[in-house]
Protein backbone atom coordinates (compact mmCIF):
# COMPACT_ATOMS: atom_id res chain seq x y z
CA MET A 1 -10.03 -51.83 15.86
CA ARG A 2 -9.08 -51.49 12.21
CA ILE A 3 -11.97 -49.07 11.58
CA GLN A 4 -10.89 -46.91 14.53
CA LYS A 5 -7.35 -46.65 13.10
CA LEU A 6 -8.74 -45.72 9.70
CA ILE A 7 -10.98 -43.03 11.21
CA LEU A 8 -8.08 -41.69 13.30
CA THR A 9 -5.85 -41.60 10.21
CA LEU A 10 -8.51 -39.71 8.24
CA ILE A 11 -9.01 -37.19 11.04
CA LEU A 12 -5.27 -36.57 11.37
CA SER A 13 -4.94 -36.19 7.59
CA VAL A 14 -7.71 -33.61 7.48
CA VAL A 15 -6.24 -31.67 10.40
CA LEU A 16 -2.69 -31.70 9.04
CA PHE A 17 -3.54 -30.78 5.46
CA SER A 18 -6.22 -28.21 6.23
CA CYS A 19 -3.92 -25.93 8.19
CA GLY A 20 -3.18 -22.80 6.17
CA SER A 21 0.18 -21.31 5.43
CA ASN A 22 1.20 -17.74 6.19
CA ASP A 23 2.37 -17.52 2.56
CA GLU A 24 -1.14 -17.68 1.12
CA PRO A 25 -2.35 -14.75 -1.02
CA GLY A 26 -3.65 -11.99 1.19
CA SER A 27 -1.26 -12.66 4.07
CA ALA A 28 0.63 -9.50 3.12
CA ILE A 29 -2.51 -7.45 3.78
CA ASN A 30 -1.91 -7.25 7.51
CA ILE A 31 1.72 -6.26 6.99
CA TYR A 32 0.67 -3.58 4.47
CA HIS A 33 -1.89 -2.15 6.92
CA ILE A 34 0.69 -2.10 9.70
CA ASN A 35 3.46 -0.60 7.55
CA ILE A 36 1.39 2.13 5.89
CA VAL A 37 0.31 3.85 9.12
CA GLY A 38 2.32 7.03 9.72
CA ASN A 39 3.75 9.97 7.79
CA TRP A 40 5.50 9.66 4.43
CA GLN A 41 7.57 12.15 2.44
CA PHE A 42 7.76 12.17 -1.37
CA SER A 43 11.09 10.77 -2.61
CA GLY A 44 10.63 10.42 -6.37
CA SER A 45 8.51 9.36 -9.31
CA THR A 46 8.85 7.75 -12.72
CA THR A 47 6.96 7.80 -15.99
CA ASN A 48 7.25 4.54 -17.91
CA GLY A 49 10.31 3.66 -15.84
CA ILE A 50 12.14 6.95 -16.52
CA PRO A 51 12.82 9.07 -13.40
CA ASP A 52 10.95 12.39 -13.36
CA GLU A 53 12.80 15.60 -12.55
CA PHE A 54 11.53 17.56 -9.59
CA ASP A 55 12.51 20.50 -7.38
CA ALA A 56 13.89 18.64 -4.37
CA ASP A 57 13.44 21.64 -2.11
CA CYS A 58 9.67 21.71 -2.46
CA ASP A 59 8.45 18.57 -4.21
CA GLU A 60 10.02 16.38 -1.56
CA ARG A 61 7.79 18.10 0.95
CA VAL A 62 4.66 16.51 -0.50
CA GLN A 63 3.53 14.40 2.40
CA LEU A 64 1.09 11.55 2.93
CA SER A 65 -0.33 10.69 6.35
CA PHE A 66 -2.15 7.41 7.00
CA LEU A 67 -4.27 6.42 10.00
CA ALA A 68 -5.14 2.82 10.88
CA SER A 69 -8.83 3.77 10.52
CA GLY A 70 -8.51 4.02 6.71
CA GLU A 71 -8.27 7.81 6.66
CA MET A 72 -5.40 9.60 4.97
CA SER A 73 -4.28 13.05 3.88
CA ARG A 74 -2.01 14.41 1.17
CA THR A 75 -0.43 17.80 1.84
CA ILE A 76 0.68 19.86 -1.17
CA PHE A 77 3.34 22.57 -0.93
CA ASP A 78 3.83 25.66 -3.14
CA ASP A 79 7.01 26.97 -4.81
CA ASN A 80 8.01 28.60 -1.52
CA CYS A 81 7.67 25.22 0.21
CA ASP A 82 4.69 26.42 2.23
CA PRO A 83 1.77 24.01 2.69
CA VAL A 84 -1.08 25.29 0.56
CA PHE A 85 -3.66 22.53 0.77
CA THR A 86 -4.36 19.26 2.49
CA PHE A 87 -6.65 16.73 0.82
CA ASN A 88 -8.44 14.43 3.27
CA MET A 89 -9.30 11.06 1.78
CA ASN A 90 -9.97 7.42 2.60
CA TYR A 91 -7.89 4.45 1.55
CA THR A 92 -8.21 0.70 1.35
CA ILE A 93 -5.70 -2.03 0.68
CA VAL A 94 -6.88 -5.34 -0.77
CA ASP A 95 -4.10 -7.74 -1.69
CA GLU A 96 -1.68 -5.57 -3.72
CA THR A 97 -4.29 -2.96 -4.68
CA PHE A 98 -4.15 0.43 -2.97
CA THR A 99 -7.32 2.50 -3.52
CA ILE A 100 -7.86 6.14 -2.60
CA THR A 101 -11.38 7.59 -2.41
CA PHE A 102 -11.81 11.37 -2.57
CA ASN A 103 -15.17 13.13 -3.00
CA GLY A 104 -16.83 9.86 -3.98
CA GLU A 105 -14.33 9.03 -6.73
CA SER A 106 -11.88 6.16 -6.36
CA LYS A 107 -8.48 5.64 -7.96
CA SER A 108 -6.61 2.35 -7.65
CA SER A 109 -2.89 1.71 -7.80
CA THR A 110 -0.69 -1.35 -7.49
CA ILE A 111 1.64 -1.54 -4.51
CA ARG A 112 5.20 -2.12 -5.70
CA THR A 113 6.90 -1.75 -2.30
CA LEU A 114 5.48 -1.20 1.17
CA ASN A 115 7.71 -1.88 4.13
CA GLU A 116 8.86 -0.05 7.26
CA THR A 117 10.75 2.63 5.27
CA THR A 118 9.54 2.74 1.65
CA PHE A 119 6.16 3.00 -0.06
CA THR A 120 6.01 2.84 -3.86
CA TYR A 121 2.88 2.44 -5.94
CA ALA A 122 2.16 2.43 -9.68
CA TYR A 123 -0.88 3.48 -11.66
CA ASN A 124 -1.94 4.03 -15.26
CA GLN A 125 -2.62 7.51 -16.56
CA ASP A 126 -3.61 7.69 -20.21
CA ALA A 127 -1.06 5.43 -21.94
CA ASP A 128 1.64 5.91 -19.27
CA ILE A 129 2.60 3.92 -16.19
CA LEU A 130 3.42 6.29 -13.34
CA THR A 131 5.04 5.46 -10.02
CA GLU A 132 5.35 7.55 -6.88
CA SER A 133 7.74 6.72 -4.05
CA PHE A 134 7.70 7.91 -0.45
CA THR A 135 10.03 7.51 2.52
CA LYS A 136 8.64 7.13 6.03
CA LEU A 137 9.31 10.06 8.35
């Protein structure tokens, strides 16, 4: 009887302590994939933490569109605010790393914020740290 209690205690210990937590690294991945899908409008950028100036009439019309399939596009507008080109790309999100692949070349960024309304990522360019922020449409 004593051996059966010991075995039962061991089994319960294994079951109770092997259950994972939703707070483990990587649990945000599903939320990021859910939140990123849709259309986003440029809302600002910084260089080394200093806000960049931009022509709000046109620059804000830079748009990103994300599909759940891992496809995305970035639409660029000219000085007259007319769309001039759309780049079709692929994206992946692994933990906090957001990677865009275009014409076989990949560029990775770090997700700073990605929720239902705001998407901000940071990346290194030369010796600078750049961020771009977008608001969900």
